[in-house]
N, C-alpha and C. Protein backbone atom coordinates (compact mmCIF):
# COMPACT_ATOMS: atom_id res chain seq x y z
N MET A 1 -14.47 3.08 -9.81
CA MET A 1 -14.98 1.79 -9.55
C MET A 1 -14.12 0.61 -10.28
N GLU A 2 -14.14 -0.38 -10.01
CA GLU A 2 -13.10 -1.19 -10.79
C GLU A 2 -14.09 -2.22 -11.57
N THR A 3 -14.01 -1.96 -12.80
CA THR A 3 -15.23 -2.91 -13.71
C THR A 3 -14.48 -3.80 -14.35
N THR A 4 -15.02 -5.20 -14.99
CA THR A 4 -14.65 -5.66 -15.10
C THR A 4 -13.48 -6.17 -16.58
N LYS A 5 -13.74 -5.10 -17.08
CA LYS A 5 -13.06 -4.72 -18.15
C LYS A 5 -11.55 -4.70 -17.80
N ASN A 6 -11.51 -3.71 -16.54
CA ASN A 6 -10.40 -3.39 -16.48
C ASN A 6 -9.79 -4.31 -15.50
N ARG A 7 -10.61 -5.34 -14.68
CA ARG A 7 -9.65 -6.28 -13.99
C ARG A 7 -8.79 -6.81 -14.98
N HIS A 8 -9.41 -6.97 -15.92
CA HIS A 8 -8.74 -8.53 -17.45
C HIS A 8 -7.72 -7.62 -17.90
N PHE A 9 -7.42 -6.53 -17.90
CA PHE A 9 -6.19 -5.24 -18.25
C PHE A 9 -5.50 -5.21 -17.16
N PHE A 10 -5.89 -5.80 -15.97
CA PHE A 10 -4.73 -5.67 -14.82
C PHE A 10 -4.12 -7.21 -14.78
N LYS A 11 -5.19 -7.99 -15.85
CA LYS A 11 -4.44 -9.16 -15.29
C LYS A 11 -3.64 -9.26 -16.67
N LYS A 12 -3.61 -8.81 -17.34
CA LYS A 12 -2.63 -9.23 -18.68
C LYS A 12 -1.80 -8.15 -18.22
N LEU A 13 -1.87 -7.20 -17.81
CA LEU A 13 -0.33 -6.14 -17.50
C LEU A 13 0.67 -7.00 -16.07
N ASN A 14 -0.61 -8.02 -14.70
CA ASN A 14 0.42 -8.80 -14.62
C ASN A 14 1.19 -9.87 -14.89
N PHE A 15 0.74 -11.10 -15.90
CA PHE A 15 1.00 -11.42 -16.75
C PHE A 15 2.24 -11.01 -16.94
N LEU A 16 2.24 -10.11 -17.41
CA LEU A 16 3.35 -9.35 -18.65
C LEU A 16 4.54 -9.39 -17.48
N LEU A 17 4.11 -8.83 -16.60
CA LEU A 17 4.82 -8.60 -15.09
C LEU A 17 5.82 -9.68 -14.59
N ILE A 18 5.15 -10.78 -14.59
CA ILE A 18 5.77 -12.05 -14.05
C ILE A 18 6.88 -12.32 -14.77
N LEU A 19 6.32 -13.02 -16.27
CA LEU A 19 6.74 -12.94 -17.71
C LEU A 19 8.69 -12.65 -17.67
N THR A 20 8.51 -11.31 -17.48
CA THR A 20 9.45 -9.89 -16.98
C THR A 20 10.54 -10.46 -16.06
N SER A 21 9.87 -10.83 -14.54
CA SER A 21 10.66 -11.20 -13.98
C SER A 21 11.05 -12.90 -14.37
N PHE A 22 10.72 -13.45 -14.44
CA PHE A 22 11.01 -14.82 -15.32
C PHE A 22 12.28 -14.47 -16.18
N THR A 23 12.32 -13.60 -17.05
CA THR A 23 13.26 -13.57 -18.19
C THR A 23 14.43 -12.13 -17.56
N PHE A 24 14.21 -12.06 -16.11
CA PHE A 24 15.31 -10.99 -15.20
C PHE A 24 16.27 -12.36 -15.41
N ALA A 25 15.65 -13.16 -15.10
CA ALA A 25 17.11 -14.44 -14.48
C ALA A 25 18.51 -14.45 -15.21
N THR A 26 18.32 -14.20 -16.30
CA THR A 26 19.44 -14.41 -17.39
C THR A 26 20.52 -12.97 -17.05
N SER A 27 20.18 -12.08 -16.13
CA SER A 27 20.99 -10.69 -15.68
C SER A 27 21.15 -11.07 -14.56
N TRP A 28 20.08 -11.63 -13.78
CA TRP A 28 20.54 -11.41 -12.14
C TRP A 28 21.92 -11.99 -11.85
N LEU A 29 21.67 -13.32 -12.52
CA LEU A 29 22.21 -14.80 -11.84
C LEU A 29 23.76 -14.43 -12.06
N PRO A 30 23.87 -13.39 -13.23
CA PRO A 30 25.41 -13.20 -13.55
C PRO A 30 26.08 -12.37 -13.03
N PHE A 31 25.07 -11.25 -12.31
CA PHE A 31 25.02 -9.73 -11.71
C PHE A 31 25.61 -10.40 -10.25
N ILE A 32 24.37 -11.45 -9.52
CA ILE A 32 25.08 -11.47 -8.30
C ILE A 32 25.88 -12.56 -7.99
N ARG A 33 26.41 -13.27 -8.83
CA ARG A 33 27.51 -14.04 -8.80
C ARG A 33 28.64 -13.78 -9.75
N GLY A 34 28.35 -12.84 -10.45
CA GLY A 34 30.41 -12.01 -11.00
C GLY A 34 30.53 -11.30 -9.52
N ILE A 35 29.39 -10.63 -8.98
CA ILE A 35 30.21 -9.82 -7.82
C ILE A 35 30.31 -10.64 -6.38
N ALA A 36 30.41 -11.63 -6.47
CA ALA A 36 30.16 -12.16 -4.99
C ALA A 36 31.49 -13.67 -5.31
N ASP A 37 31.26 -14.11 -6.45
CA ASP A 37 32.33 -15.41 -6.80
C ASP A 37 33.48 -14.85 -7.05
N GLY A 38 32.91 -13.66 -7.73
CA GLY A 38 34.46 -13.12 -7.74
C GLY A 38 35.24 -13.79 -9.51
N GLU A 39 36.27 -13.70 -9.75
CA GLU A 39 37.09 -14.14 -10.47
C GLU A 39 37.23 -15.82 -10.94
N SER A 40 36.26 -16.46 -10.11
CA SER A 40 36.22 -18.29 -10.16
C SER A 40 34.82 -18.78 -10.83
N TYR A 41 34.13 -17.21 -10.74
CA TYR A 41 32.79 -17.91 -11.84
C TYR A 41 32.92 -17.08 -12.91
N GLN A 42 32.41 -18.13 -14.23
CA GLN A 42 32.84 -17.30 -15.48
C GLN A 42 31.58 -17.67 -16.09
N TRP A 43 30.89 -16.53 -16.40
CA TRP A 43 30.17 -16.24 -17.42
C TRP A 43 29.55 -15.90 -19.21
N GLY A 44 28.89 -15.96 -19.85
CA GLY A 44 28.96 -15.85 -21.14
C GLY A 44 27.46 -15.59 -21.62
N SER A 45 27.44 -14.75 -22.74
CA SER A 45 26.58 -14.61 -23.21
C SER A 45 26.32 -14.22 -24.61
N SER A 46 25.25 -14.04 -26.23
CA SER A 46 25.69 -14.03 -27.40
C SER A 46 24.65 -13.01 -27.76
N LEU A 47 25.34 -12.01 -28.20
CA LEU A 47 24.25 -11.28 -28.53
C LEU A 47 24.93 -10.88 -30.23
N PHE A 48 23.41 -11.29 -31.10
CA PHE A 48 23.45 -10.70 -32.58
C PHE A 48 24.70 -11.62 -32.87
N GLY A 49 25.56 -12.04 -32.30
CA GLY A 49 26.49 -13.41 -32.92
C GLY A 49 27.84 -13.35 -31.94
N ASN A 50 28.08 -11.64 -31.24
CA ASN A 50 28.99 -11.33 -30.64
C ASN A 50 29.05 -11.85 -29.15
N ALA A 51 30.56 -12.42 -29.12
CA ALA A 51 30.28 -13.07 -27.76
C ALA A 51 30.74 -11.91 -26.43
N LEU A 52 29.86 -11.76 -25.52
CA LEU A 52 30.07 -11.46 -24.71
C LEU A 52 30.23 -12.32 -23.25
N TYR A 53 31.12 -12.38 -22.12
CA TYR A 53 31.39 -12.93 -21.44
C TYR A 53 32.50 -12.64 -20.41
N GLY A 54 33.05 -13.48 -19.41
CA GLY A 54 34.12 -12.61 -18.54
C GLY A 54 34.08 -13.20 -17.31
N LYS A 55 35.34 -12.88 -16.13
CA LYS A 55 35.15 -13.07 -15.06
C LYS A 55 34.58 -12.58 -14.06
N GLY A 56 33.75 -13.15 -13.66
CA GLY A 56 33.61 -12.27 -12.22
C GLY A 56 33.36 -10.88 -12.93
N ILE A 57 33.58 -9.64 -12.02
CA ILE A 57 33.39 -8.24 -13.17
C ILE A 57 34.01 -7.90 -13.75
N SER A 58 35.18 -8.78 -14.74
CA SER A 58 35.63 -8.55 -15.34
C SER A 58 35.42 -8.53 -16.81
N GLY A 59 35.94 -8.28 -18.00
CA GLY A 59 35.17 -8.56 -19.19
C GLY A 59 34.38 -7.68 -19.68
N ASP A 60 33.11 -8.42 -20.39
CA ASP A 60 31.55 -7.96 -20.29
C ASP A 60 31.01 -7.28 -19.65
N PHE A 61 31.80 -7.36 -18.27
CA PHE A 61 30.44 -7.14 -17.51
C PHE A 61 29.40 -5.91 -17.17
N TYR A 62 30.04 -5.33 -17.82
CA TYR A 62 29.16 -3.78 -18.20
C TYR A 62 28.17 -4.21 -19.08
N TYR A 63 27.81 -5.36 -20.14
CA TYR A 63 26.45 -5.74 -20.35
C TYR A 63 25.38 -6.18 -19.31
N VAL A 64 26.16 -6.78 -18.37
CA VAL A 64 25.08 -7.71 -17.19
C VAL A 64 24.57 -6.34 -16.30
N VAL A 65 25.34 -5.34 -15.95
CA VAL A 65 24.95 -4.29 -15.52
C VAL A 65 23.91 -3.44 -16.08
N LEU A 66 24.44 -3.46 -17.27
CA LEU A 66 23.10 -2.62 -17.82
C LEU A 66 21.62 -3.40 -17.95
N ASN A 67 21.78 -4.72 -18.46
CA ASN A 67 20.45 -5.01 -17.77
C ASN A 67 20.03 -5.20 -16.97
N VAL A 68 20.34 -5.64 -15.34
CA VAL A 68 19.91 -5.59 -14.41
C VAL A 68 19.47 -4.22 -14.59
N ILE A 69 20.41 -3.21 -14.73
CA ILE A 69 19.87 -1.57 -14.51
C ILE A 69 18.00 -1.38 -15.39
N ILE A 70 18.26 -2.25 -16.66
CA ILE A 70 17.23 -1.90 -17.53
C ILE A 70 15.44 -3.02 -16.79
N GLY A 71 16.19 -4.16 -16.64
CA GLY A 71 15.85 -4.93 -16.28
C GLY A 71 14.72 -3.97 -14.90
N LEU A 72 14.96 -3.92 -14.17
CA LEU A 72 14.26 -3.42 -13.16
C LEU A 72 13.81 -2.23 -12.90
N MET A 73 14.23 -1.04 -13.84
CA MET A 73 13.63 0.54 -14.59
C MET A 73 12.26 -0.42 -14.79
N LEU A 74 12.35 -1.16 -16.21
CA LEU A 74 11.35 -1.99 -16.52
C LEU A 74 10.27 -2.08 -15.69
N MET A 75 10.20 -3.68 -14.44
CA MET A 75 9.27 -3.68 -13.55
C MET A 75 9.17 -2.75 -12.68
N TYR A 76 9.85 -2.28 -12.94
CA TYR A 76 9.69 -1.02 -12.13
C TYR A 76 8.09 0.35 -13.11
N SER A 77 8.46 0.23 -14.32
CA SER A 77 7.85 1.29 -14.83
C SER A 77 6.12 0.32 -15.34
N PHE A 78 6.25 -0.55 -14.39
CA PHE A 78 4.92 -1.29 -15.09
C PHE A 78 3.57 -0.76 -14.96
N TYR A 79 4.25 -0.13 -13.25
CA TYR A 79 2.44 0.69 -11.96
C TYR A 79 3.74 1.80 -11.92
N TRP A 80 4.38 2.38 -11.32
CA TRP A 80 5.02 2.89 -10.51
C TRP A 80 5.55 4.52 -11.05
N ILE A 81 5.48 4.16 -12.52
CA ILE A 81 6.10 6.12 -13.15
C ILE A 81 4.53 6.64 -13.59
N LYS A 82 4.27 7.22 -14.00
CA LYS A 82 3.12 7.94 -14.95
C LYS A 82 3.57 8.01 -16.34
N ASN A 83 4.33 8.54 -16.95
CA ASN A 83 5.18 8.43 -18.18
C ASN A 83 4.96 6.79 -18.44
N ARG A 84 3.36 7.18 -19.49
CA ARG A 84 3.76 5.49 -19.89
C ARG A 84 4.33 4.95 -20.96
N ILE A 85 4.81 6.29 -21.97
CA ILE A 85 5.76 6.27 -22.58
C ILE A 85 6.75 5.94 -22.78
N ALA A 86 7.21 6.25 -21.19
CA ALA A 86 8.90 4.98 -20.63
C ALA A 86 8.66 4.21 -20.95
N PHE A 87 7.41 3.45 -20.33
CA PHE A 87 7.41 1.84 -20.16
C PHE A 87 7.38 1.45 -21.51
N TYR A 88 6.45 2.04 -22.23
CA TYR A 88 6.38 1.71 -23.91
C TYR A 88 8.26 1.13 -24.01
N LEU A 89 8.77 2.30 -23.90
CA LEU A 89 10.02 1.90 -24.66
C LEU A 89 11.02 1.05 -24.04
N LEU A 90 10.59 0.68 -22.98
CA LEU A 90 11.62 -0.13 -21.95
C LEU A 90 10.87 -1.96 -22.40
N LEU A 91 9.48 -1.82 -22.63
CA LEU A 91 9.51 -2.68 -22.69
C LEU A 91 9.71 -3.38 -24.44
N ILE A 92 9.25 -2.59 -25.33
CA ILE A 92 10.38 -2.78 -26.79
C ILE A 92 11.55 -2.80 -26.36
N LEU A 93 11.99 -2.51 -25.61
CA LEU A 93 13.75 -2.72 -25.44
C LEU A 93 13.63 -3.48 -25.11
N TRP A 94 12.92 -4.05 -23.96
CA TRP A 94 13.85 -5.37 -23.31
C TRP A 94 13.31 -7.02 -24.36
N TYR A 95 12.17 -6.62 -25.16
CA TYR A 95 12.00 -7.75 -25.21
C TYR A 95 12.06 -7.78 -26.57
N GLY A 96 11.82 -6.58 -27.54
CA GLY A 96 12.39 -6.73 -28.83
C GLY A 96 14.27 -6.93 -29.14
N SER A 97 14.78 -6.73 -28.16
CA SER A 97 15.91 -6.91 -28.38
C SER A 97 16.63 -8.53 -27.95
N MET A 98 15.62 -9.18 -27.17
CA MET A 98 15.55 -10.51 -27.08
C MET A 98 14.99 -11.27 -27.84
N ILE A 99 13.45 -10.91 -28.67
CA ILE A 99 13.42 -11.62 -29.54
C ILE A 99 14.35 -11.42 -31.18
N ALA A 100 14.26 -10.33 -31.06
CA ALA A 100 15.38 -10.22 -32.69
C ALA A 100 16.83 -10.96 -32.56
N ASN A 101 17.33 -11.05 -31.04
CA ASN A 101 18.39 -11.92 -30.93
C ASN A 101 17.90 -12.97 -31.08
N SER A 102 16.97 -13.67 -30.70
CA SER A 102 16.55 -15.38 -30.57
C SER A 102 16.33 -15.33 -32.36
N PHE A 103 15.93 -14.61 -32.64
CA PHE A 103 15.77 -15.24 -34.12
C PHE A 103 17.31 -15.64 -35.36
N TYR A 104 18.15 -13.99 -34.65
CA TYR A 104 19.66 -14.60 -35.20
C TYR A 104 19.89 -15.28 -34.71
N GLU A 105 20.44 -16.08 -33.19
CA GLU A 105 20.79 -16.97 -33.07
C GLU A 105 20.05 -18.27 -33.91
N VAL A 106 18.77 -18.25 -33.94
CA VAL A 106 18.67 -19.68 -34.11
C VAL A 106 18.37 -19.74 -35.98
N PHE A 107 18.49 -18.63 -36.89
CA PHE A 107 18.56 -18.68 -38.12
C PHE A 107 20.02 -18.58 -38.79
N ALA A 108 20.33 -17.45 -38.43
CA ALA A 108 22.22 -16.97 -38.20
C ALA A 108 23.13 -17.31 -37.91
N GLY A 109 22.78 -17.85 -36.37
CA GLY A 109 23.86 -18.43 -35.70
C GLY A 109 24.03 -19.80 -35.30
N ASP A 110 24.54 -20.11 -34.17
CA ASP A 110 24.77 -21.83 -34.76
C ASP A 110 23.52 -22.33 -33.28
N GLY A 111 22.64 -21.31 -33.15
CA GLY A 111 21.07 -22.60 -32.66
C GLY A 111 20.86 -21.89 -31.37
N TYR A 112 20.10 -21.71 -30.62
CA TYR A 112 19.54 -21.00 -29.23
C TYR A 112 20.07 -21.89 -28.21
N MET A 113 21.25 -21.76 -26.95
CA MET A 113 21.51 -22.61 -26.46
C MET A 113 21.39 -22.18 -24.69
N PHE A 114 21.17 -22.90 -24.30
CA PHE A 114 21.20 -22.41 -22.81
C PHE A 114 22.09 -23.26 -21.99
N HIS A 115 23.12 -22.58 -20.95
CA HIS A 115 24.06 -24.01 -20.42
C HIS A 115 23.97 -22.78 -18.98
N GLY A 116 23.87 -24.22 -18.12
CA GLY A 116 23.51 -24.05 -16.47
C GLY A 116 23.98 -24.38 -15.88
N ASP A 117 25.56 -24.33 -15.89
CA ASP A 117 26.96 -25.73 -15.27
C ASP A 117 26.49 -25.66 -13.81
N THR A 118 26.54 -24.97 -12.65
CA THR A 118 26.28 -24.99 -11.54
C THR A 118 25.44 -26.79 -11.03
N LEU A 119 24.01 -25.85 -11.80
CA LEU A 119 22.93 -27.02 -11.63
C LEU A 119 23.33 -28.09 -12.95
N ASN A 120 23.96 -27.80 -13.85
CA ASN A 120 24.06 -29.12 -14.76
C ASN A 120 23.39 -29.21 -15.83
N VAL A 121 22.51 -27.80 -16.34
CA VAL A 121 21.93 -27.94 -17.23
C VAL A 121 22.56 -27.15 -18.87
N HIS A 122 21.54 -27.99 -19.41
CA HIS A 122 22.08 -27.84 -20.68
C HIS A 122 21.25 -28.44 -21.52
N LEU A 123 20.22 -26.94 -22.37
CA LEU A 123 19.26 -27.11 -23.00
C LEU A 123 19.16 -26.38 -24.70
N ASP A 124 18.90 -26.94 -25.61
CA ASP A 124 18.56 -26.72 -27.17
C ASP A 124 17.69 -26.06 -27.05
N LEU A 125 17.30 -24.44 -26.93
CA LEU A 125 15.96 -24.45 -27.10
C LEU A 125 15.63 -24.11 -28.38
N SER A 126 16.17 -24.01 -29.44
CA SER A 126 15.78 -23.94 -30.47
C SER A 126 14.63 -23.68 -31.41
N PHE A 127 14.18 -25.08 -31.02
CA PHE A 127 13.05 -25.32 -31.79
C PHE A 127 11.43 -24.91 -30.93
N ILE A 128 11.36 -24.22 -29.21
CA ILE A 128 10.49 -23.66 -28.96
C ILE A 128 10.84 -22.26 -28.54
N ILE A 129 11.94 -21.44 -28.78
CA ILE A 129 12.39 -20.35 -28.69
C ILE A 129 11.39 -19.00 -30.10
N ILE A 130 11.20 -20.03 -31.41
CA ILE A 130 11.11 -19.16 -31.72
C ILE A 130 9.33 -18.60 -31.69
N PRO A 131 8.13 -19.83 -31.41
CA PRO A 131 7.19 -19.50 -31.46
C PRO A 131 6.95 -18.87 -29.92
N LEU A 132 7.91 -19.50 -28.74
CA LEU A 132 7.33 -18.34 -27.42
C LEU A 132 7.74 -17.19 -27.88
N MET A 133 9.00 -16.56 -29.24
CA MET A 133 9.39 -15.10 -28.42
C MET A 133 8.04 -14.57 -29.39
N ILE A 134 7.20 -15.02 -30.56
CA ILE A 134 6.57 -14.95 -31.55
C ILE A 134 5.07 -14.42 -30.62
N VAL A 135 5.06 -15.25 -29.42
CA VAL A 135 4.00 -15.05 -28.38
C VAL A 135 3.61 -13.74 -27.51
N MET A 136 5.36 -13.75 -27.34
CA MET A 136 5.40 -12.66 -26.11
C MET A 136 5.43 -11.04 -26.75
N GLY A 137 6.22 -11.32 -28.24
CA GLY A 137 5.72 -10.17 -28.80
C GLY A 137 4.15 -9.73 -29.32
N ALA A 138 3.33 -10.22 -29.53
CA ALA A 138 1.85 -10.18 -29.37
C ALA A 138 1.27 -10.06 -28.96
N LEU A 139 1.80 -10.31 -27.17
CA LEU A 139 1.45 -10.15 -25.92
C LEU A 139 2.04 -8.56 -25.64
N VAL A 140 3.34 -8.57 -25.69
CA VAL A 140 3.47 -7.01 -25.55
C VAL A 140 2.58 -6.04 -26.07
N GLY A 141 2.68 -6.43 -27.71
CA GLY A 141 2.14 -5.21 -28.39
C GLY A 141 0.61 -4.91 -28.10
N HIS A 142 0.20 -6.18 -27.37
CA HIS A 142 -1.14 -6.12 -27.30
C HIS A 142 -1.85 -5.12 -25.58
N VAL A 143 -0.36 -5.01 -25.10
CA VAL A 143 -0.52 -4.82 -23.52
C VAL A 143 0.31 -3.05 -23.83
N ILE A 144 0.58 -2.57 -24.61
CA ILE A 144 0.74 -1.43 -24.65
C ILE A 144 -0.57 -0.99 -25.24
N LEU A 145 -1.27 -1.79 -26.14
CA LEU A 145 -2.53 -0.68 -26.58
C LEU A 145 -3.73 -0.31 -26.01
N GLU A 146 -3.64 -1.55 -24.91
CA GLU A 146 -4.30 -1.54 -24.02
C GLU A 146 -4.29 -0.70 -22.99
N ASP A 147 -2.98 -0.72 -22.54
CA ASP A 147 -2.87 0.46 -21.55
C ASP A 147 -2.81 1.99 -22.31
N ARG A 148 -2.80 2.21 -23.32
CA ARG A 148 -3.30 3.18 -23.99
C ARG A 148 -4.52 3.95 -23.08
N LYS A 149 -5.50 3.14 -23.07
CA LYS A 149 -6.66 3.83 -23.12
C LYS A 149 -6.86 3.79 -21.29
N TYR A 150 -6.01 3.42 -20.35
CA TYR A 150 -6.28 3.30 -19.55
C TYR A 150 -5.88 4.42 -17.97
N SER A 151 -5.81 5.11 -17.60
CA SER A 151 -5.35 5.94 -16.41
C SER A 151 -4.71 5.43 -15.22
N PHE A 152 -4.11 5.65 -14.28
CA PHE A 152 -4.44 4.65 -12.90
C PHE A 152 -3.44 5.73 -12.33
N VAL A 153 -3.43 5.50 -10.80
CA VAL A 153 -2.59 5.85 -9.89
C VAL A 153 -2.52 4.35 -9.35
N VAL A 154 -1.74 4.40 -8.38
CA VAL A 154 -1.18 2.84 -7.45
C VAL A 154 -0.85 3.69 -6.73
N LYS A 155 -1.00 3.09 -5.16
CA LYS A 155 -0.75 3.16 -3.82
C LYS A 155 0.05 2.27 -3.20
N GLY A 156 1.25 2.92 -2.51
CA GLY A 156 2.21 1.76 -1.68
C GLY A 156 1.49 0.30 -0.92
N THR A 157 1.81 -0.58 -1.05
CA THR A 157 1.59 -1.23 0.32
C THR A 157 2.37 -2.21 1.01
N LYS A 158 1.60 -2.37 2.78
CA LYS A 158 2.65 -3.12 3.19
C LYS A 158 3.38 -4.46 2.41
N LYS A 159 2.30 -4.76 1.72
CA LYS A 159 2.60 -5.85 0.62
C LYS A 159 3.98 -5.80 0.23
N ASN A 160 4.06 -4.40 -0.48
CA ASN A 160 4.70 -4.01 -1.78
C ASN A 160 6.67 -4.26 -0.70
N LYS A 161 6.41 -3.40 1.18
CA LYS A 161 7.49 -3.22 1.42
C LYS A 161 8.33 -5.14 1.83
N PHE A 162 6.79 -5.72 1.95
CA PHE A 162 7.37 -7.26 3.07
C PHE A 162 7.93 -7.66 2.49
N TRP A 163 7.53 -8.14 0.56
CA TRP A 163 7.85 -8.47 -0.45
C TRP A 163 9.30 -7.87 -0.56
N ALA A 164 10.03 -6.79 -0.78
CA ALA A 164 10.65 -6.16 -1.38
C ALA A 164 11.81 -6.31 -0.36
N ILE A 165 11.55 -6.48 1.15
CA ILE A 165 12.55 -6.66 2.13
C ILE A 165 12.62 -8.47 1.76
N LEU A 166 12.05 -8.92 1.60
CA LEU A 166 11.97 -10.40 1.99
C LEU A 166 12.58 -11.01 0.63
N LEU A 167 12.55 -10.37 -0.96
CA LEU A 167 13.80 -10.68 -1.63
C LEU A 167 14.74 -9.75 -1.76
N LEU A 168 15.16 -8.96 -0.76
CA LEU A 168 16.51 -8.64 -0.47
C LEU A 168 17.49 -8.82 0.48
N PHE A 169 17.27 -10.02 1.34
CA PHE A 169 17.50 -10.05 2.53
C PHE A 169 18.12 -11.38 2.05
N PRO A 170 17.75 -12.39 1.29
CA PRO A 170 18.83 -13.26 1.27
C PRO A 170 20.46 -13.06 0.43
N ILE A 171 20.59 -11.65 -0.15
CA ILE A 171 22.00 -11.29 -1.00
C ILE A 171 22.54 -11.10 -0.24
N PRO A 172 23.17 -11.02 1.89
CA PRO A 172 24.60 -11.27 2.04
C PRO A 172 24.56 -12.73 2.73
N VAL A 173 23.78 -13.55 2.36
CA VAL A 173 23.43 -15.08 2.41
C VAL A 173 24.19 -15.45 0.99
N GLN A 174 23.80 -14.73 0.01
CA GLN A 174 24.62 -15.32 -1.19
C GLN A 174 25.62 -15.18 -1.46
N ALA A 175 26.36 -14.51 -0.97
CA ALA A 175 27.49 -13.63 -1.21
C ALA A 175 28.50 -14.15 -0.57
N VAL A 176 27.89 -15.27 0.71
CA VAL A 176 28.78 -16.30 1.88
C VAL A 176 28.88 -17.53 0.63
N LEU A 177 27.60 -17.29 0.45
CA LEU A 177 27.30 -18.72 -0.48
C LEU A 177 28.52 -18.99 -1.17
N PHE A 178 28.65 -17.99 -2.18
CA PHE A 178 28.92 -18.06 -3.75
C PHE A 178 30.93 -17.63 -3.57
N SER A 179 30.85 -17.12 -1.60
CA SER A 179 32.59 -16.74 -1.99
C SER A 179 33.10 -18.00 -1.06
N MET A 180 32.16 -18.91 -0.85
CA MET A 180 32.41 -19.88 -0.15
C MET A 180 32.59 -21.60 -0.49
N GLY A 181 33.30 -22.40 -0.24
CA GLY A 181 33.40 -23.65 -1.23
C GLY A 181 33.84 -23.93 -2.41
N GLU A 182 33.72 -25.01 -3.08
CA GLU A 182 34.33 -25.11 -4.42
C GLU A 182 33.45 -24.50 -5.65
N PRO A 183 34.02 -24.14 -6.55
CA PRO A 183 33.11 -23.96 -7.56
C PRO A 183 32.04 -25.10 -8.02
N HIS A 184 30.49 -24.47 -8.34
CA HIS A 184 29.77 -25.09 -8.65
C HIS A 184 29.27 -26.23 -7.93
N GLY A 185 29.84 -26.22 -6.68
CA GLY A 185 29.67 -27.29 -5.50
C GLY A 185 28.39 -26.87 -4.70
N ILE A 186 27.92 -27.76 -3.54
CA ILE A 186 26.58 -27.30 -2.85
C ILE A 186 26.90 -25.56 -2.29
N THR A 187 27.68 -25.07 -1.90
CA THR A 187 27.31 -23.99 -1.64
C THR A 187 27.34 -23.44 -2.98
N ASP A 188 27.42 -22.87 -4.39
CA ASP A 188 26.81 -22.30 -5.36
C ASP A 188 25.96 -22.97 -5.67
N ARG A 189 25.43 -24.60 -5.25
CA ARG A 189 23.70 -24.77 -5.66
C ARG A 189 22.91 -24.27 -5.26
N ILE A 190 23.23 -23.39 -3.99
CA ILE A 190 21.56 -23.35 -2.75
C ILE A 190 21.98 -21.56 -2.93
N GLY A 191 22.89 -21.60 -3.49
CA GLY A 191 23.00 -19.57 -4.05
C GLY A 191 21.86 -19.63 -5.40
N VAL A 192 22.55 -20.48 -6.21
CA VAL A 192 21.77 -20.59 -7.63
C VAL A 192 20.38 -20.86 -6.97
N ILE A 193 19.65 -21.61 -6.79
CA ILE A 193 17.96 -22.02 -6.33
C ILE A 193 17.73 -20.70 -5.73
N ILE A 194 18.51 -19.73 -4.58
CA ILE A 194 18.19 -18.42 -3.94
C ILE A 194 17.89 -17.89 -4.52
N ALA A 195 19.04 -17.59 -5.71
CA ALA A 195 18.21 -16.64 -7.21
C ALA A 195 17.53 -16.98 -7.93
N LEU A 196 17.49 -18.09 -8.08
CA LEU A 196 16.00 -18.26 -9.30
C LEU A 196 14.75 -17.74 -8.27
N LEU A 197 14.57 -18.38 -7.28
CA LEU A 197 13.07 -17.69 -6.59
C LEU A 197 13.45 -16.10 -6.69
N GLN A 198 14.55 -15.73 -5.97
CA GLN A 198 14.65 -13.99 -6.38
C GLN A 198 13.62 -13.50 -7.95
N VAL A 199 14.44 -13.92 -8.78
CA VAL A 199 13.55 -13.70 -9.78
C VAL A 199 12.37 -14.17 -9.75
N ALA A 200 12.02 -15.61 -9.71
CA ALA A 200 10.37 -15.82 -9.83
C ALA A 200 9.54 -15.06 -9.18
N LEU A 201 10.11 -14.59 -7.97
CA LEU A 201 9.05 -13.72 -7.10
C LEU A 201 9.52 -12.22 -6.88
N ALA A 202 9.79 -11.86 -7.85
CA ALA A 202 10.54 -10.08 -8.10
C ALA A 202 9.72 -9.65 -8.29
N TRP A 203 8.30 -10.02 -9.62
CA TRP A 203 7.03 -9.26 -9.25
C TRP A 203 6.46 -8.84 -8.19
N THR A 204 6.49 -9.79 -7.73
CA THR A 204 5.63 -9.39 -6.14
C THR A 204 6.14 -8.04 -5.39
N ALA A 205 7.35 -7.40 -5.36
CA ALA A 205 7.63 -6.84 -4.80
C ALA A 205 7.19 -4.87 -5.84
N PHE A 206 7.00 -5.67 -7.22
CA PHE A 206 6.66 -4.78 -7.94
C PHE A 206 5.17 -3.90 -8.17
N LYS A 207 4.62 -5.40 -8.26
CA LYS A 207 2.93 -5.38 -7.90
C LYS A 207 1.89 -3.73 -7.83
N ALA A 208 1.30 -4.39 -8.33
CA ALA A 208 0.44 -3.01 -7.58
C ALA A 208 -1.12 -3.18 -6.86
N TYR A 209 -1.15 -3.24 -5.55
CA TYR A 209 -1.74 -4.37 -4.69
C TYR A 209 -3.46 -3.35 -4.79
N GLU A 210 -2.85 -1.95 -4.86
CA GLU A 210 -4.15 -0.51 -4.71
C GLU A 210 -4.15 0.34 -5.62
N VAL A 211 -5.41 0.03 -6.39
CA VAL A 211 -5.45 1.26 -7.66
C VAL A 211 -6.29 2.64 -6.71
N ILE A 212 -5.72 3.56 -6.78
CA ILE A 212 -6.59 4.40 -5.88
C ILE A 212 -7.09 5.62 -7.14
N LYS A 213 -6.74 5.37 -8.38
CA LYS A 213 -7.47 6.66 -9.57
C LYS A 213 -7.07 5.57 -10.48
N GLN A 214 -8.48 5.66 -11.03
CA GLN A 214 -8.59 4.69 -12.64
C GLN A 214 -9.22 5.32 -13.67
């Protein structure tokens, strides 16, 4: 029987899953656009002062692919693998690298900048990224410590299938939108908005809607 304590734990786990879904945007956007847009799409990132960039799937695109794989594995591991050590390691890898890189960019680099040319978004996040990373790190540590106290098995439901299909369905449409029209034009903007909706809702496909054993 599910207790109030259990419900509180699963709420924390779900919140971290939702947060992970949103942080997945920086991997999913260049991945889907790099493949669909081709050489007309330029992307760039910075990791501990090292510039990573490319056009389409050229250059350092392997870094984007690796992040997509790790991000999907992490979201899946929240509920669907029994080996919780693997879940903890993926959490530490995902958020640890994010936190460490943020500190480096702010204190040793040129500041923490975000650029989204298609939607004309350019933000200096240097003043808020450090406290945000500290909170995220504390949440990750807390969830790992709490998770070690629980043993549960979840069952796939129609909701998981529904959300998975709904999130995958727009990909062919995005491929068409990104491959046609002018770079950063209206078709690209529609494709980016769809991609942002995908990452904002990605957690719904991985969430546990039915716990059958605790």
